[in-house]
Protein backbone atom coordinates (compact mmCIF):
# COMPACT_ATOMS: atom_id res chain seq x y z
CA MET A 1 178.30 140.47 68.04
CA ARG A 2 180.99 140.72 65.48
CA VAL A 3 183.69 142.97 66.97
CA ILE A 4 186.79 144.33 65.24
CA VAL A 5 189.73 144.78 67.68
CA LEU A 6 192.41 147.02 65.92
CA GLY A 7 195.86 146.23 67.35
CA ALA A 8 197.26 142.99 68.28
CA GLY A 9 199.46 144.18 71.29
CA VAL A 10 198.79 143.32 74.91
CA ALA A 11 195.75 145.70 75.03
CA GLY A 12 194.05 144.26 71.77
CA ILE A 13 194.75 140.55 72.82
CA THR A 14 193.39 140.81 76.36
CA SER A 15 190.35 142.50 74.98
CA ALA A 16 189.88 139.62 72.49
CA TYR A 17 190.09 137.25 75.32
CA PHE A 18 187.24 138.71 77.25
CA LEU A 19 185.14 139.43 74.28
CA ALA A 20 185.62 135.85 73.09
CA ARG A 21 184.76 134.60 76.53
CA ASP A 22 181.55 136.59 76.36
CA GLY A 23 180.50 134.92 73.12
CA HIS A 24 181.51 137.52 70.65
CA GLU A 25 183.08 136.89 67.33
CA VAL A 26 186.39 138.81 67.34
CA SER A 27 188.49 139.81 64.36
CA LEU A 28 191.97 140.83 65.52
CA VAL A 29 193.37 143.23 63.09
CA ASP A 30 197.16 144.34 63.02
CA ARG A 31 199.54 145.88 60.49
CA ASN A 32 202.49 143.54 61.47
CA ALA A 33 203.08 139.96 60.37
CA GLY A 34 202.73 138.60 63.85
CA LEU A 35 201.27 139.40 67.22
CA ALA A 36 202.68 141.74 69.78
CA LEU A 37 205.53 143.04 67.57
CA GLU A 38 205.50 146.65 68.53
CA THR A 39 205.14 148.29 72.02
CA SER A 40 204.50 144.80 73.80
CA TYR A 41 207.37 143.14 72.21
CA ALA A 42 210.21 143.73 74.53
CA ASN A 43 208.83 146.02 77.27
CA GLY A 44 210.25 146.28 80.87
CA GLY A 45 208.43 143.02 81.94
CA GLN A 46 207.37 144.46 85.40
CA LEU A 47 203.76 144.15 86.53
CA SER A 48 204.17 147.08 88.85
CA TYR A 49 200.66 147.11 90.34
CA SER A 50 201.62 149.42 93.35
CA TYR A 51 203.89 151.87 91.30
CA VAL A 52 201.45 153.58 89.03
CA ALA A 53 202.12 157.09 89.99
CA PRO A 54 202.15 159.35 86.85
CA LEU A 55 205.14 160.92 85.35
CA ALA A 56 203.34 164.24 85.54
CA SER A 57 203.99 165.31 89.18
CA PRO A 58 205.46 168.38 90.92
CA GLY A 59 208.54 166.61 91.57
CA VAL A 60 209.49 166.24 87.97
CA LEU A 61 209.17 169.75 87.11
CA PRO A 62 212.64 171.14 88.54
CA LYS A 63 214.16 167.97 86.84
CA ILE A 64 212.87 168.71 83.38
CA PRO A 65 215.34 171.55 82.26
CA PRO A 66 218.51 169.78 82.97
CA TRP A 67 216.97 166.52 81.64
CA LEU A 68 215.58 167.50 78.29
CA PHE A 69 218.61 167.89 76.06
CA ARG A 70 221.25 165.60 77.80
CA ARG A 71 221.92 162.55 75.83
CA ASP A 72 222.02 160.41 79.09
CA SER A 73 218.94 161.80 80.76
CA PRO A 74 215.90 159.69 81.67
CA LEU A 75 213.73 162.07 79.73
CA ARG A 76 214.70 163.60 76.40
CA PHE A 77 212.99 166.05 74.17
CA GLU A 78 213.30 166.61 70.40
CA PRO A 79 211.21 169.41 69.51
CA ALA A 80 209.27 169.23 66.05
CA LEU A 81 207.01 171.39 64.05
CA ASP A 82 204.22 169.42 65.23
CA PRO A 83 201.15 171.05 67.07
CA HIS A 84 200.05 167.81 68.53
CA GLN A 85 203.47 167.42 70.21
CA TRP A 86 203.44 170.97 71.74
CA ARG A 87 199.89 170.62 72.80
CA TRP A 88 200.65 167.46 74.71
CA CYS A 89 203.66 169.10 76.40
CA LEU A 90 201.60 171.97 77.60
CA GLU A 91 198.97 169.63 78.92
CA PHE A 92 201.53 167.53 80.57
CA LEU A 93 203.01 170.48 82.44
CA ALA A 94 199.46 171.66 83.35
CA ALA A 95 199.02 168.24 85.01
CA CYS A 96 202.26 168.54 87.05
CA ASN A 97 200.59 169.55 90.34
CA GLN A 98 200.02 167.59 93.72
CA SER A 99 196.24 167.44 93.64
CA GLN A 100 196.15 166.15 89.91
CA ALA A 101 199.03 163.60 90.64
CA ASP A 102 197.15 162.31 93.82
CA LEU A 103 193.95 161.89 91.93
CA THR A 104 195.50 160.09 89.09
CA THR A 105 197.46 157.78 91.42
CA ARG A 106 194.27 156.87 93.09
CA ARG A 107 192.38 156.09 90.00
CA LEU A 108 195.41 154.11 88.50
CA LEU A 109 195.74 152.03 91.67
CA ALA A 110 192.08 151.12 91.62
CA LEU A 111 192.59 149.94 87.99
CA SER A 112 195.96 148.09 88.59
CA PHE A 113 194.68 146.24 91.58
CA TYR A 114 191.72 145.12 89.47
CA SER A 115 194.03 144.09 86.83
CA ARG A 116 196.24 142.05 89.23
CA SER A 117 193.28 140.16 90.57
CA LEU A 118 192.31 139.27 86.94
CA MET A 119 195.93 138.33 86.03
CA HIS A 120 196.13 136.05 89.22
CA THR A 121 192.95 134.39 88.35
CA LEU A 122 194.13 133.86 84.71
CA VAL A 123 197.45 132.41 85.60
CA ALA A 124 195.61 129.98 87.87
CA GLU A 125 193.04 128.83 85.32
CA GLU A 126 195.31 128.82 82.06
CA LYS A 127 198.56 127.42 81.16
CA ILE A 128 200.60 130.23 79.63
CA ASP A 129 204.29 129.86 79.77
CA PHE A 130 205.66 133.51 79.91
CA ASP A 131 208.30 133.41 82.58
CA TYR A 132 205.62 134.72 85.14
CA VAL A 133 206.98 135.21 88.59
CA ARG A 134 205.46 136.81 91.61
CA ASN A 135 208.96 137.87 93.06
CA GLY A 136 208.28 141.36 94.41
CA LYS A 137 210.07 144.54 93.58
CA LEU A 138 212.65 146.74 95.20
CA VAL A 139 212.95 150.51 94.40
CA ILE A 140 216.49 151.39 95.16
CA HIS A 141 217.49 155.14 96.07
CA THR A 142 221.05 156.35 95.88
CA ARG A 143 220.13 159.82 97.32
CA SER A 144 219.08 160.09 100.98
CA ASP A 145 216.60 162.90 100.29
CA ALA A 146 214.88 160.88 97.66
CA LEU A 147 214.62 157.93 100.06
CA GLU A 148 213.08 160.09 102.77
CA SER A 149 210.50 161.52 100.25
CA ALA A 150 209.69 157.82 99.31
CA LYS A 151 209.29 156.95 103.04
CA ARG A 152 206.80 159.80 103.44
CA LEU A 153 204.68 158.31 100.82
CA LEU A 154 204.45 154.91 102.59
CA ASP A 155 201.46 155.84 104.69
CA TYR A 156 199.66 157.47 101.84
CA GLN A 157 200.16 154.48 99.69
CA ALA A 158 199.19 152.23 102.46
CA SER A 159 195.94 153.95 102.75
CA LEU A 160 195.30 153.08 98.98
CA GLY A 161 196.09 149.34 99.66
CA CYS A 162 199.86 149.15 98.87
CA GLU A 163 201.80 146.93 101.14
CA GLN A 164 205.37 148.22 101.20
CA GLU A 165 208.39 148.62 103.63
CA ALA A 166 211.48 150.70 103.82
CA LEU A 167 214.95 149.14 103.90
CA ASP A 168 218.29 150.54 104.57
CA ALA A 169 221.27 149.79 102.39
CA LYS A 170 222.24 146.59 104.16
CA GLN A 171 218.68 145.24 104.11
CA CYS A 172 218.56 145.90 100.41
CA VAL A 173 221.62 143.83 99.72
CA ASP A 174 220.44 141.10 102.12
CA LEU A 175 217.20 140.99 100.00
CA GLU A 176 218.91 141.05 96.68
CA PRO A 177 222.72 139.92 96.95
CA ALA A 178 223.26 141.01 93.20
CA LEU A 179 223.24 144.67 94.56
CA GLU A 180 226.54 144.06 96.56
CA HIS A 181 228.42 146.08 94.09
CA MET A 182 226.06 148.91 94.85
CA HIS A 183 226.24 148.73 98.62
CA THR A 184 228.37 151.95 99.18
CA ARG A 185 226.17 154.07 96.88
CA LEU A 186 222.82 152.81 98.24
CA ALA A 187 220.81 155.06 100.57
CA GLY A 188 218.19 152.39 100.89
CA GLY A 189 214.93 151.24 99.11
CA ILE A 190 211.30 150.63 99.13
CA HIS A 191 210.38 146.95 98.96
CA THR A 192 206.87 145.75 97.64
CA PRO A 193 206.56 141.88 97.94
CA SER A 194 203.27 141.85 95.88
CA GLU A 195 204.67 142.80 92.52
CA ASP A 196 205.09 140.42 89.59
CA ALA A 197 206.94 140.08 86.39
CA GLY A 198 206.75 138.24 83.02
CA ASP A 199 207.58 138.31 79.30
CA CYS A 200 204.68 140.38 77.70
CA TYR A 201 205.36 139.11 74.14
CA ARG A 202 205.06 135.51 75.30
CA PHE A 203 202.03 136.30 77.35
CA CYS A 204 200.36 137.89 74.32
CA THR A 205 201.09 134.86 71.98
CA GLY A 206 200.30 132.46 74.62
CA LEU A 207 196.95 134.03 75.50
CA ALA A 208 196.07 134.12 71.75
CA ASP A 209 196.57 130.22 71.82
CA VAL A 210 194.30 129.91 74.68
CA ILE A 211 191.47 131.87 72.96
CA GLN A 212 191.80 129.61 69.95
CA ALA A 213 191.69 126.36 72.09
CA ARG A 214 189.15 127.32 74.60
CA TYR A 215 186.72 129.33 72.25
CA PRO A 216 187.15 127.84 68.82
CA GLY A 217 185.85 129.82 65.97
CA ARG A 218 185.47 132.93 68.01
CA LEU A 219 188.86 134.65 66.92
CA GLN A 220 190.07 135.42 63.60
CA THR A 221 193.43 137.17 63.02
CA SER A 222 194.06 139.55 60.16
CA LEU A 223 197.74 140.23 60.01
CA ASN A 224 199.54 142.46 57.55
CA THR A 225 196.45 144.43 57.47
CA GLU A 226 196.82 148.23 58.09
CA ALA A 227 194.00 150.44 58.84
CA LYS A 228 193.58 153.46 56.60
CA ARG A 229 190.29 155.03 57.51
CA LEU A 230 187.26 154.61 59.61
CA LEU A 231 184.14 154.90 57.57
CA ARG A 232 181.14 156.58 59.04
CA TRP A 233 177.40 156.92 58.19
CA LYS A 234 175.57 159.48 60.30
CA ASP A 235 176.59 158.58 63.89
CA ARG A 236 177.83 155.10 63.29
CA ILE A 237 181.05 153.48 62.06
CA ILE A 238 180.03 151.12 59.15
CA GLY A 239 183.40 149.90 58.00
CA MET A 240 187.29 150.02 58.28
CA GLU A 241 189.12 150.78 55.14
CA THR A 242 192.49 148.74 55.11
CA ASN A 243 195.28 147.91 52.63
CA ASN A 244 193.30 144.56 52.16
CA GLY A 245 189.87 146.07 51.53
CA VAL A 246 186.97 147.10 53.74
CA LEU A 247 186.27 145.24 56.89
CA GLU A 248 182.93 145.34 58.65
CA ALA A 249 181.58 144.48 62.11
CA ASP A 250 178.96 145.35 64.53
CA CYS A 251 181.40 147.38 66.66
CA TYR A 252 184.96 148.61 66.65
CA LEU A 253 187.67 148.65 69.28
CA LEU A 254 190.75 150.65 68.93
CA ALA A 255 193.76 149.22 70.89
CA THR A 256 196.26 150.64 68.35
CA GLY A 257 198.05 152.92 70.83
CA ASN A 258 199.63 155.96 69.13
CA MET A 259 198.02 155.43 65.72
CA SER A 260 194.58 155.63 67.22
CA ALA A 261 194.73 159.29 67.54
CA GLN A 262 195.45 159.84 63.83
CA LEU A 263 192.77 157.26 62.85
CA VAL A 264 190.02 159.15 64.60
CA ARG A 265 191.10 162.76 63.85
CA PRO A 266 188.99 162.73 60.42
CA LEU A 267 185.92 161.96 62.55
CA GLY A 268 186.31 165.14 64.66
CA MET A 269 187.85 163.29 67.72
CA ARG A 270 190.85 164.39 69.46
CA LEU A 271 192.82 161.78 71.61
CA PRO A 272 195.53 163.38 73.77
CA ILE A 273 198.16 160.71 73.05
CA TYR A 274 201.76 161.11 72.24
CA PRO A 275 204.51 158.49 71.97
CA LEU A 276 207.15 158.27 74.39
CA LYS A 277 209.91 156.11 73.08
CA GLY A 278 211.45 153.61 75.48
CA TYR A 279 214.43 151.25 75.17
CA SER A 280 215.26 147.90 76.53
CA LEU A 281 218.15 145.31 76.55
CA THR A 282 217.62 141.60 77.00
CA LEU A 283 220.72 139.78 78.41
CA PRO A 284 221.43 136.15 78.75
CA VAL A 285 222.03 135.03 82.23
CA THR A 286 224.38 131.89 82.71
CA ALA A 287 224.93 129.85 85.88
CA ASP A 288 228.12 131.85 86.54
CA CYS A 289 226.29 135.17 86.45
CA VAL A 290 225.05 137.15 89.41
CA ALA A 291 221.82 138.76 88.22
CA PRO A 292 219.00 139.99 90.32
CA ARG A 293 216.21 137.39 91.42
CA ILE A 294 213.64 140.05 92.08
CA SER A 295 212.61 143.14 90.04
CA ILE A 296 214.64 146.22 90.64
CA THR A 297 213.90 149.81 89.73
CA ASP A 298 216.62 152.44 89.97
CA TYR A 299 214.80 155.52 91.03
CA GLN A 300 217.38 157.95 90.22
CA ARG A 301 218.16 156.79 86.70
CA LYS A 302 214.42 155.64 85.93
CA ILE A 303 215.73 152.07 84.78
CA VAL A 304 213.92 148.89 85.50
CA TYR A 305 215.35 145.38 85.79
CA ALA A 306 213.18 142.16 85.46
CA PRO A 307 214.58 138.63 85.64
CA LEU A 308 212.59 136.60 83.02
CA GLY A 309 213.65 132.95 83.20
CA ASP A 310 217.25 132.69 82.09
CA GLU A 311 217.41 136.31 80.87
CA LEU A 312 217.29 139.67 82.31
CA ARG A 313 215.19 142.58 80.83
CA VAL A 314 216.54 146.14 81.35
CA ALA A 315 214.33 149.10 80.24
CA GLY A 316 214.07 152.81 80.48
CA MET A 317 214.18 156.24 79.21
CA ALA A 318 211.38 158.31 77.67
CA ASP A 319 212.16 160.37 74.44
CA LEU A 320 209.56 162.75 73.21
CA ALA A 321 210.95 162.51 69.65
CA GLY A 322 208.04 161.89 67.27
CA TYR A 323 206.73 158.64 65.69
CA GLY A 324 209.82 156.89 64.67
CA ALA A 325 210.95 153.60 66.22
CA ARG A 326 214.71 153.93 65.14
CA ILE A 327 217.17 152.91 67.81
CA ASP A 328 219.30 155.76 68.92
CA GLU A 329 222.87 154.32 69.41
CA ALA A 330 223.78 156.94 72.14
CA ARG A 331 220.65 156.06 74.15
CA LEU A 332 221.41 152.44 73.85
CA GLU A 333 224.96 152.91 75.01
CA THR A 334 223.66 154.76 78.14
CA LEU A 335 221.40 151.88 78.93
CA ILE A 336 224.42 149.43 78.59
CA GLU A 337 226.64 151.65 80.80
CA GLU A 338 223.98 151.73 83.51
CA VAL A 339 223.26 148.04 83.75
CA ARG A 340 226.89 147.24 83.82
CA ALA A 341 227.51 149.88 86.66
CA VAL A 342 224.67 148.49 88.76
CA PHE A 343 225.03 144.76 87.93
CA PRO A 344 228.57 144.15 86.54
CA ARG A 345 228.26 140.39 86.77
CA ALA A 346 224.64 139.96 85.65
CA SER A 347 225.76 138.86 82.26
CA GLU A 348 228.75 138.07 80.21
CA TYR A 349 227.55 141.11 78.03
CA THR A 350 228.60 139.54 74.79
CA ARG A 351 225.18 138.98 73.50
CA LEU A 352 222.77 141.85 73.87
CA ARG A 353 219.28 142.08 72.22
CA PRO A 354 218.28 145.95 71.99
CA TRP A 355 214.92 147.16 71.20
CA CYS A 356 212.83 150.27 71.31
CA GLY A 357 209.22 150.84 71.26
CA LEU A 358 206.76 153.80 71.26
CA ARG A 359 204.57 153.96 74.47
CA PRO A 360 201.28 155.61 73.79
CA ALA A 361 201.00 158.29 76.82
CA THR A 362 198.38 160.66 77.80
CA PRO A 363 199.59 164.04 79.54
CA LYS A 364 197.84 163.02 82.92
CA GLY A 365 198.93 159.33 82.74
CA THR A 366 195.49 157.77 82.54
CA PRO A 367 194.50 155.53 79.71
CA LEU A 368 191.35 156.32 77.69
CA LEU A 369 188.82 153.58 78.04
CA GLY A 370 185.33 153.01 76.98
CA ALA A 371 182.71 154.86 74.74
CA THR A 372 183.16 157.52 72.09
CA PRO A 373 180.70 159.86 70.50
CA PHE A 374 180.03 157.02 67.97
CA PRO A 375 177.91 154.29 69.82
CA ASN A 376 179.86 151.37 68.21
CA LEU A 377 183.34 152.63 68.39
CA TYR A 378 185.35 152.15 71.74
CA LEU A 379 188.79 152.86 73.14
CA ASN A 380 191.46 150.99 74.92
CA VAL A 381 194.45 153.24 74.51
CA GLY A 382 197.11 155.53 76.07
CA HIS A 383 198.36 153.36 78.71
CA GLY A 384 202.03 154.76 78.48
CA ALA A 385 204.44 152.51 80.33
CA LEU A 386 201.83 150.66 82.13
CA GLY A 387 200.08 148.74 79.16
CA PHE A 388 201.19 145.30 80.54
CA THR A 389 200.22 146.19 84.16
CA LEU A 390 196.76 147.59 83.37
CA SER A 391 195.94 145.34 80.41
CA MET A 392 193.71 142.71 82.09
CA GLY A 393 191.63 145.22 83.95
CA SER A 394 191.27 147.61 80.97
CA ALA A 395 190.18 144.76 78.71
CA ARG A 396 187.69 143.44 81.09
CA ILE A 397 186.18 146.86 81.44
CA LEU A 398 185.82 147.20 77.77
CA ALA A 399 184.34 143.61 77.30
CA ASP A 400 181.76 144.65 80.10
CA ILE A 401 180.78 147.91 78.26
CA ILE A 402 180.41 146.20 74.92
CA SER A 403 178.37 143.35 76.51
CA ARG A 404 176.19 146.14 78.25
CA ARG A 405 177.45 145.25 81.85
CA PRO A 406 178.33 147.82 84.39
CA PRO A 407 182.23 147.98 84.82
CA GLU A 408 183.61 146.72 88.24
CA ILE A 409 185.42 149.98 88.98
CA PRO A 410 184.48 153.60 88.34
CA LEU A 411 185.50 155.05 84.96
CA ASP A 412 185.88 158.71 86.28
CA GLY A 413 189.04 160.15 84.65
CA PHE A 414 189.52 157.35 82.02
CA GLN A 415 186.79 158.37 79.63
CA LEU A 416 187.34 160.51 76.53
C-alpha cells in the first residue's frame, strides 16, 4: 500500500522503517526542512524502559500548588483562555489516583519492554551511529522519605519485570564517581543496570539512511510540507491538503504529536493531547572534565543526565504554557544552575547548546496507538517524555495493524 506518515520525528521515522520493511511505499511528510527537528531533536537521550510511571499519580498532587507558579519548579503552569488546556488539566487531576497510576504503569512497561527488545535487535542488525550505550541508570534521592518510598516500589516493579537495586550514598558514589560532590546531600539511589541511552536526532537520521539503503524506492520524504487539512469522503480519508498541494495515499498515519489534535478536530475527533514544554542543554565534555558515565536522574528536581559520546545531555522541566517553543531564559538559567550544582566539573561551561521542545502528552500518560473511526487513518501520537523509549514498540504495533497482523502486546488503554 501507499502510506503517508505525517511527522518525521522518532515516532514517524520508526513507523516508516517497519512499514517499508513490510513492503509498503511510504511518504514521510514534515513541515520542517530536515528530519527530527522538533521534539526529537535534543531530548533527554535516556531510553528509560523501567521508568515509565506516569506523571499523573497521587504523589504529585500535594506538590502541584507550590510547583505551579515558581520559576524554578519542575512543573509550571501558565493559564490561558484555552478550553483544551483546562480540559486536559482536569483529566490529568482525575488520573492522579493509585489504581489508575498502577494500571498505566503496567501498560507502559509492557510497551517499553517490547520496545527495548526491538531496539536491541535493530542495533545488532543495523549500523547506526547515535552514541548508543547500554550503561544503566541511577535515580538519585536527596530526601530519605523519597528514597524509602522508592524502595517500597522495588518489589512491585520486580513483579512487572524490572531489575533494580537500592544503594546507599556511598554505593552511589562508588558506582558513579562524578557524584562525589553530592555525597553529603545524597540519601541514596535506585540503580537499574538494564537502561540505555543515545542521541535521538542521530538515531532518526541514521534510521532514515538505513531505510533508503535496505529498502530502495520504498521511502520518499516530503519536507517543507505542512499539512493543512485532511480531506474526507464519507467514512474515508481521500487526501491531505498541504502548502504544496494535495497528497494522496491508501492510508494515513499521524505521528505529528501536538498538531495531530488540531488536524483531526474538523473530522469530529478529539485527541486528549496537550504540549508539555521541556528544556535541554548539551555540554561538551573534555578529557579534564568529571562527567557521569551512566545515566542519572535527579528525582527531587526531575532532571535527567545522559552521557552521549563526548557530550553530556541535561534535560528536564515541564511547562503547560501553550504551543510556543520559545526558550524561557529563566527556565534555562535554572537548568544551568542545577547541573553546575550536581556536576560542577562535568564541563567547562563555556559552550552550552540550549534547546526546548513540546512533548505531546495525554493526561493519563499513555500514547494513542492504532485505529480511528476512519478505516484508513491511524494514530501514533501522545508519548509525552517517552517518545524515544516507546518509539520502536509503538511503530511496530502500527505496522502490524496496517498490515492486518495482530499486535504482539494488548492495546487496552492505548486506543482512542
